[in-house]
Structures are given as C-alpha cells and as structure tokens.
Amino acid sequence: MKKILVVDDEEAIRLLYREELTEAGYDVDVAQDGAEALRKLEQAQPDLMTIDLRMPGMDGIELLSRVRAMHRELPIVISTAYGDLRSEFGTWASDAYVTKSADLQELKSKIAELLK
C-alpha cells in the first residue's frame, strides 16, 4: 500500500484528505506544519507528499525546498487555495500543482498518476 504524507495547517483539510485518500486505498499520515512534516518524512518514508503553501512558520515553498534537498525523487503535489501562486518560481520543484476544492478528483488523479 502506497504511503502519502499530507501537510496542511488546517485540521479540516487534513481530516478530509486522510478520509478521502484512505478510501482510495492509500496509507495516509498527516502533519500540521513543515517542522512536523520533516520529522515524519524520515519516520514514515512516504511514497508521495501533498504540501499546502501558506502555513505558519515554515511555508510550503521552504518545506518543498528542504524535502527536495534530501529526497530528490519523492513525488510532491502542491495543494493550495491560491491558484495564482502556480507561476511562482519556488513551486516549480513540485511534480503537480492542484488548487484546493471540495471535489478532490483532480488531486486524486494527480496522485494516482504520480504513483503508477
């Protein structure tokens, strides 16, 4: 079973993603910020990460940069409410960029595509 680490500061999003992605057949762990994500990354060794961009403390772009420095091949999906940040240079290191929506079909499709 493929493991996904969901990083988002909003508890409701973490719960929604955990529920939906678990139903889709993934083993899902969550982190509420970048620091927790870095700790869990080494423990859980996920097959893919989703990262929110706007988080207190370490933002998603800094987290993305740190993860890429350690795990170059790990697929990373940026999942954010800010579609306008897609063109920001720091997001280019991600494998996919998905704007948050109540419908998680786009996110699930990107994850399935990256994990095949």
N, C-alpha and C. Protein backbone atom coordinates (compact mmCIF):
# COMPACT_ATOMS: atom_id res chain seq x y z
N MET A 1 0.84 -1.18 0.00
CA MET A 1 0.00 0.00 0.00
C MET A 1 0.89 1.24 0.00
N LYS A 2 0.64 2.16 -0.91
CA LYS A 2 1.42 3.39 -1.02
C LYS A 2 1.10 4.34 0.13
N LYS A 3 2.16 5.00 0.65
CA LYS A 3 2.01 5.93 1.77
C LYS A 3 2.05 7.37 1.28
N ILE A 4 1.12 8.17 1.82
CA ILE A 4 1.06 9.59 1.48
C ILE A 4 1.15 10.40 2.77
N LEU A 5 1.97 11.45 2.75
CA LEU A 5 2.06 12.39 3.86
C LEU A 5 1.40 13.68 3.43
N VAL A 6 0.32 14.05 4.12
CA VAL A 6 -0.43 15.28 3.84
C VAL A 6 0.03 16.35 4.82
N VAL A 7 0.49 17.49 4.29
CA VAL A 7 0.97 18.59 5.12
C VAL A 7 0.07 19.80 4.90
N ASP A 8 -0.69 20.16 5.94
CA ASP A 8 -1.61 21.30 5.85
C ASP A 8 -1.88 21.80 7.26
N ASP A 9 -1.93 23.13 7.41
CA ASP A 9 -2.16 23.69 8.73
C ASP A 9 -3.63 23.68 9.14
N GLU A 10 -4.54 23.43 8.20
CA GLU A 10 -5.96 23.39 8.51
C GLU A 10 -6.38 21.97 8.87
N GLU A 11 -6.88 21.80 10.10
CA GLU A 11 -7.28 20.47 10.56
C GLU A 11 -8.36 19.86 9.69
N ALA A 12 -9.34 20.66 9.26
CA ALA A 12 -10.43 20.14 8.43
C ALA A 12 -9.90 19.56 7.12
N ILE A 13 -8.91 20.21 6.53
CA ILE A 13 -8.31 19.70 5.28
C ILE A 13 -7.57 18.39 5.55
N ARG A 14 -6.80 18.36 6.65
CA ARG A 14 -6.07 17.12 6.98
C ARG A 14 -7.05 15.96 7.15
N LEU A 15 -8.13 16.20 7.86
CA LEU A 15 -9.12 15.14 8.08
C LEU A 15 -9.78 14.71 6.77
N LEU A 16 -10.16 15.68 5.94
CA LEU A 16 -10.81 15.37 4.66
C LEU A 16 -9.87 14.56 3.77
N TYR A 17 -8.63 15.02 3.63
CA TYR A 17 -7.67 14.32 2.77
C TYR A 17 -7.40 12.92 3.31
N ARG A 18 -7.25 12.80 4.62
CA ARG A 18 -6.99 11.48 5.21
C ARG A 18 -8.13 10.52 4.88
N GLU A 19 -9.35 10.99 5.09
CA GLU A 19 -10.53 10.14 4.84
C GLU A 19 -10.64 9.77 3.36
N GLU A 20 -10.57 10.75 2.49
CA GLU A 20 -10.75 10.50 1.05
C GLU A 20 -9.61 9.64 0.47
N LEU A 21 -8.39 9.92 0.86
CA LEU A 21 -7.26 9.17 0.31
C LEU A 21 -7.17 7.76 0.91
N THR A 22 -7.59 7.60 2.14
CA THR A 22 -7.66 6.26 2.73
C THR A 22 -8.70 5.43 1.99
N GLU A 23 -9.85 6.04 1.70
CA GLU A 23 -10.89 5.34 0.93
C GLU A 23 -10.40 4.98 -0.47
N ALA A 24 -9.48 5.76 -1.00
CA ALA A 24 -8.92 5.49 -2.32
C ALA A 24 -7.83 4.42 -2.28
N GLY A 25 -7.51 3.91 -1.08
CA GLY A 25 -6.58 2.80 -0.97
C GLY A 25 -5.16 3.15 -0.54
N TYR A 26 -4.96 4.36 -0.01
CA TYR A 26 -3.62 4.77 0.43
C TYR A 26 -3.51 4.74 1.94
N ASP A 27 -2.29 4.56 2.42
CA ASP A 27 -1.97 4.69 3.84
C ASP A 27 -1.60 6.16 4.03
N VAL A 28 -2.37 6.90 4.83
CA VAL A 28 -2.22 8.35 4.93
C VAL A 28 -1.78 8.77 6.32
N ASP A 29 -0.74 9.61 6.36
CA ASP A 29 -0.30 10.25 7.59
C ASP A 29 -0.42 11.75 7.35
N VAL A 30 -0.54 12.53 8.43
CA VAL A 30 -0.71 13.97 8.30
C VAL A 30 0.28 14.72 9.18
N ALA A 31 0.58 15.95 8.76
CA ALA A 31 1.42 16.85 9.54
C ALA A 31 0.80 18.24 9.46
N GLN A 32 0.84 18.97 10.58
CA GLN A 32 0.19 20.28 10.62
C GLN A 32 1.11 21.44 10.23
N ASP A 33 2.41 21.16 10.09
CA ASP A 33 3.34 22.22 9.68
C ASP A 33 4.61 21.60 9.10
N GLY A 34 5.49 22.46 8.61
CA GLY A 34 6.70 21.99 7.97
C GLY A 34 7.63 21.22 8.88
N ALA A 35 7.77 21.69 10.11
CA ALA A 35 8.67 21.01 11.05
C ALA A 35 8.19 19.59 11.34
N GLU A 36 6.90 19.43 11.58
CA GLU A 36 6.35 18.10 11.82
C GLU A 36 6.49 17.23 10.57
N ALA A 37 6.30 17.83 9.42
CA ALA A 37 6.44 17.08 8.16
C ALA A 37 7.85 16.54 7.98
N LEU A 38 8.85 17.35 8.29
CA LEU A 38 10.24 16.89 8.15
C LEU A 38 10.53 15.74 9.10
N ARG A 39 10.01 15.79 10.32
CA ARG A 39 10.19 14.68 11.26
C ARG A 39 9.51 13.42 10.73
N LYS A 40 8.28 13.56 10.27
CA LYS A 40 7.51 12.39 9.80
C LYS A 40 8.07 11.84 8.49
N LEU A 41 8.67 12.69 7.70
CA LEU A 41 9.25 12.25 6.43
C LEU A 41 10.29 11.16 6.66
N GLU A 42 11.13 11.35 7.65
CA GLU A 42 12.17 10.37 7.95
C GLU A 42 11.60 9.11 8.60
N GLN A 43 10.57 9.26 9.44
CA GLN A 43 9.99 8.11 10.12
C GLN A 43 9.12 7.26 9.20
N ALA A 44 8.22 7.93 8.49
CA ALA A 44 7.20 7.22 7.71
C ALA A 44 7.68 6.83 6.31
N GLN A 45 8.66 7.54 5.77
CA GLN A 45 9.15 7.31 4.41
C GLN A 45 8.00 7.17 3.42
N PRO A 46 7.25 8.27 3.22
CA PRO A 46 6.10 8.21 2.32
C PRO A 46 6.52 8.05 0.86
N ASP A 47 5.56 7.61 0.05
CA ASP A 47 5.78 7.47 -1.39
C ASP A 47 5.43 8.76 -2.13
N LEU A 48 4.71 9.67 -1.44
CA LEU A 48 4.29 10.94 -2.03
C LEU A 48 3.91 11.89 -0.90
N MET A 49 4.08 13.19 -1.15
CA MET A 49 3.65 14.21 -0.18
C MET A 49 2.73 15.20 -0.87
N THR A 50 1.74 15.70 -0.11
CA THR A 50 0.99 16.87 -0.55
C THR A 50 1.36 17.98 0.42
N ILE A 51 1.59 19.17 -0.12
CA ILE A 51 2.05 20.30 0.70
C ILE A 51 1.19 21.52 0.42
N ASP A 52 0.68 22.13 1.50
CA ASP A 52 -0.01 23.42 1.40
C ASP A 52 1.07 24.50 1.32
N LEU A 53 0.80 25.59 0.62
CA LEU A 53 1.81 26.65 0.50
C LEU A 53 1.81 27.60 1.69
N ARG A 54 0.65 28.03 2.11
CA ARG A 54 0.57 29.04 3.16
C ARG A 54 0.35 28.37 4.51
N MET A 55 1.44 28.29 5.26
CA MET A 55 1.38 27.71 6.61
C MET A 55 2.21 28.60 7.53
N PRO A 56 1.85 28.67 8.81
CA PRO A 56 2.67 29.46 9.74
C PRO A 56 4.03 28.81 9.95
N GLY A 57 5.00 29.63 10.30
CA GLY A 57 6.36 29.12 10.48
C GLY A 57 6.97 28.87 9.12
N MET A 58 7.34 27.64 8.86
CA MET A 58 7.92 27.26 7.57
C MET A 58 6.80 27.15 6.53
N ASP A 59 6.86 27.96 5.49
CA ASP A 59 5.82 27.87 4.46
C ASP A 59 6.09 26.69 3.53
N GLY A 60 5.14 26.41 2.65
CA GLY A 60 5.25 25.25 1.77
C GLY A 60 6.41 25.31 0.81
N ILE A 61 6.78 26.51 0.36
CA ILE A 61 7.90 26.62 -0.57
C ILE A 61 9.22 26.26 0.12
N GLU A 62 9.39 26.72 1.35
CA GLU A 62 10.60 26.35 2.09
C GLU A 62 10.62 24.85 2.37
N LEU A 63 9.47 24.29 2.76
CA LEU A 63 9.39 22.86 3.01
C LEU A 63 9.71 22.08 1.73
N LEU A 64 9.14 22.50 0.62
CA LEU A 64 9.41 21.85 -0.66
C LEU A 64 10.90 21.86 -0.96
N SER A 65 11.55 22.98 -0.75
CA SER A 65 12.98 23.11 -1.00
C SER A 65 13.78 22.16 -0.10
N ARG A 66 13.42 22.09 1.16
CA ARG A 66 14.14 21.20 2.09
C ARG A 66 13.94 19.73 1.75
N VAL A 67 12.71 19.37 1.39
CA VAL A 67 12.43 17.98 1.04
C VAL A 67 13.19 17.60 -0.23
N ARG A 68 13.20 18.49 -1.22
CA ARG A 68 13.91 18.22 -2.47
C ARG A 68 15.40 18.03 -2.23
N ALA A 69 15.97 18.77 -1.29
CA ALA A 69 17.39 18.64 -0.98
C ALA A 69 17.73 17.25 -0.42
N MET A 70 16.77 16.64 0.28
CA MET A 70 17.00 15.33 0.90
C MET A 70 16.48 14.17 0.06
N HIS A 71 15.37 14.38 -0.61
CA HIS A 71 14.67 13.30 -1.33
C HIS A 71 14.28 13.79 -2.72
N ARG A 72 15.22 13.78 -3.61
CA ARG A 72 15.04 14.33 -4.95
C ARG A 72 13.92 13.65 -5.74
N GLU A 73 13.74 12.36 -5.54
CA GLU A 73 12.80 11.59 -6.35
C GLU A 73 11.39 11.49 -5.76
N LEU A 74 11.18 11.98 -4.55
CA LEU A 74 9.87 11.87 -3.90
C LEU A 74 8.85 12.75 -4.64
N PRO A 75 7.76 12.17 -5.14
CA PRO A 75 6.74 12.99 -5.79
C PRO A 75 6.07 13.93 -4.78
N ILE A 76 5.91 15.19 -5.18
CA ILE A 76 5.31 16.20 -4.31
C ILE A 76 4.22 16.93 -5.08
N VAL A 77 3.03 17.00 -4.46
CA VAL A 77 1.91 17.72 -5.03
C VAL A 77 1.64 18.94 -4.14
N ILE A 78 1.69 20.11 -4.74
CA ILE A 78 1.29 21.32 -4.02
C ILE A 78 -0.22 21.36 -4.07
N SER A 79 -0.85 21.50 -2.92
CA SER A 79 -2.31 21.59 -2.84
C SER A 79 -2.62 22.85 -2.05
N THR A 80 -3.11 23.87 -2.73
CA THR A 80 -3.29 25.17 -2.10
C THR A 80 -4.56 25.86 -2.59
N ALA A 81 -5.05 26.77 -1.79
CA ALA A 81 -6.21 27.57 -2.18
C ALA A 81 -5.81 28.71 -3.10
N TYR A 82 -4.52 28.92 -3.28
CA TYR A 82 -4.01 30.06 -4.05
C TYR A 82 -3.54 29.63 -5.43
N GLY A 83 -4.47 29.58 -6.38
CA GLY A 83 -4.14 29.19 -7.74
C GLY A 83 -3.19 30.15 -8.42
N ASP A 84 -3.17 31.41 -7.96
CA ASP A 84 -2.32 32.42 -8.58
C ASP A 84 -0.83 32.24 -8.26
N LEU A 85 -0.50 31.37 -7.33
CA LEU A 85 0.91 31.15 -6.98
C LEU A 85 1.57 30.09 -7.86
N ARG A 86 0.81 29.51 -8.76
CA ARG A 86 1.32 28.46 -9.64
C ARG A 86 2.57 28.91 -10.41
N SER A 87 2.62 30.17 -10.78
CA SER A 87 3.75 30.66 -11.58
C SER A 87 4.94 31.11 -10.73
N GLU A 88 4.79 31.06 -9.40
CA GLU A 88 5.90 31.46 -8.53
C GLU A 88 7.04 30.44 -8.66
N PHE A 89 8.23 30.95 -8.85
CA PHE A 89 9.40 30.10 -9.12
C PHE A 89 9.57 28.97 -8.11
N GLY A 90 9.36 29.22 -6.82
CA GLY A 90 9.58 28.21 -5.79
C GLY A 90 8.68 27.00 -5.92
N THR A 91 7.55 27.13 -6.61
CA THR A 91 6.63 25.99 -6.74
C THR A 91 7.02 25.06 -7.88
N TRP A 92 7.94 25.50 -8.73
CA TRP A 92 8.30 24.70 -9.90
C TRP A 92 8.97 23.38 -9.56
N ALA A 93 9.49 23.24 -8.36
CA ALA A 93 10.15 21.99 -7.96
C ALA A 93 9.13 20.89 -7.64
N SER A 94 7.85 21.25 -7.58
CA SER A 94 6.84 20.23 -7.30
C SER A 94 6.54 19.44 -8.57
N ASP A 95 5.93 18.29 -8.41
CA ASP A 95 5.56 17.45 -9.55
C ASP A 95 4.17 17.79 -10.08
N ALA A 96 3.35 18.41 -9.23
CA ALA A 96 2.00 18.81 -9.64
C ALA A 96 1.53 19.94 -8.73
N TYR A 97 0.59 20.72 -9.24
CA TYR A 97 0.04 21.87 -8.52
C TYR A 97 -1.47 21.78 -8.66
N VAL A 98 -2.17 21.64 -7.53
CA VAL A 98 -3.62 21.48 -7.53
C VAL A 98 -4.23 22.57 -6.64
N THR A 99 -5.24 23.24 -7.16
CA THR A 99 -5.95 24.23 -6.37
C THR A 99 -7.00 23.50 -5.54
N LYS A 100 -7.04 23.79 -4.23
CA LYS A 100 -7.97 23.12 -3.33
C LYS A 100 -9.41 23.33 -3.79
N SER A 101 -10.19 22.29 -3.61
CA SER A 101 -11.59 22.30 -4.00
C SER A 101 -12.34 21.28 -3.14
N ALA A 102 -13.64 21.44 -3.04
CA ALA A 102 -14.45 20.45 -2.32
C ALA A 102 -14.42 19.12 -3.05
N ASP A 103 -14.21 19.17 -4.36
CA ASP A 103 -14.11 17.97 -5.18
C ASP A 103 -12.63 17.58 -5.27
N LEU A 104 -12.27 16.45 -4.71
CA LEU A 104 -10.87 16.03 -4.67
C LEU A 104 -10.45 15.19 -5.88
N GLN A 105 -11.28 15.17 -6.92
CA GLN A 105 -10.98 14.32 -8.06
C GLN A 105 -9.67 14.69 -8.74
N GLU A 106 -9.40 15.99 -8.91
CA GLU A 106 -8.15 16.40 -9.55
C GLU A 106 -6.95 15.96 -8.71
N LEU A 107 -7.03 16.15 -7.39
CA LEU A 107 -5.95 15.73 -6.50
C LEU A 107 -5.74 14.23 -6.58
N LYS A 108 -6.82 13.47 -6.50
CA LYS A 108 -6.72 12.01 -6.57
C LYS A 108 -6.13 11.55 -7.91
N SER A 109 -6.52 12.20 -8.98
CA SER A 109 -5.99 11.84 -10.30
C SER A 109 -4.49 12.09 -10.39
N LYS A 110 -4.04 13.25 -9.88
CA LYS A 110 -2.61 13.57 -9.91
C LYS A 110 -1.82 12.58 -9.07
N ILE A 111 -2.36 12.24 -7.90
CA ILE A 111 -1.67 11.28 -7.02
C ILE A 111 -1.57 9.93 -7.70
N ALA A 112 -2.67 9.45 -8.27
CA ALA A 112 -2.65 8.14 -8.96
C ALA A 112 -1.66 8.15 -10.12
N GLU A 113 -1.61 9.25 -10.85
CA GLU A 113 -0.69 9.38 -11.98
C GLU A 113 0.77 9.34 -11.51
N LEU A 114 1.07 10.03 -10.42
CA LEU A 114 2.45 10.09 -9.93
C LEU A 114 2.89 8.79 -9.27
N LEU A 115 1.96 8.01 -8.75
CA LEU A 115 2.32 6.78 -8.04
C LEU A 115 2.23 5.53 -8.91
N LYS A 116 1.88 5.67 -10.17
CA LYS A 116 1.75 4.46 -11.01
C LYS A 116 3.07 3.84 -11.34
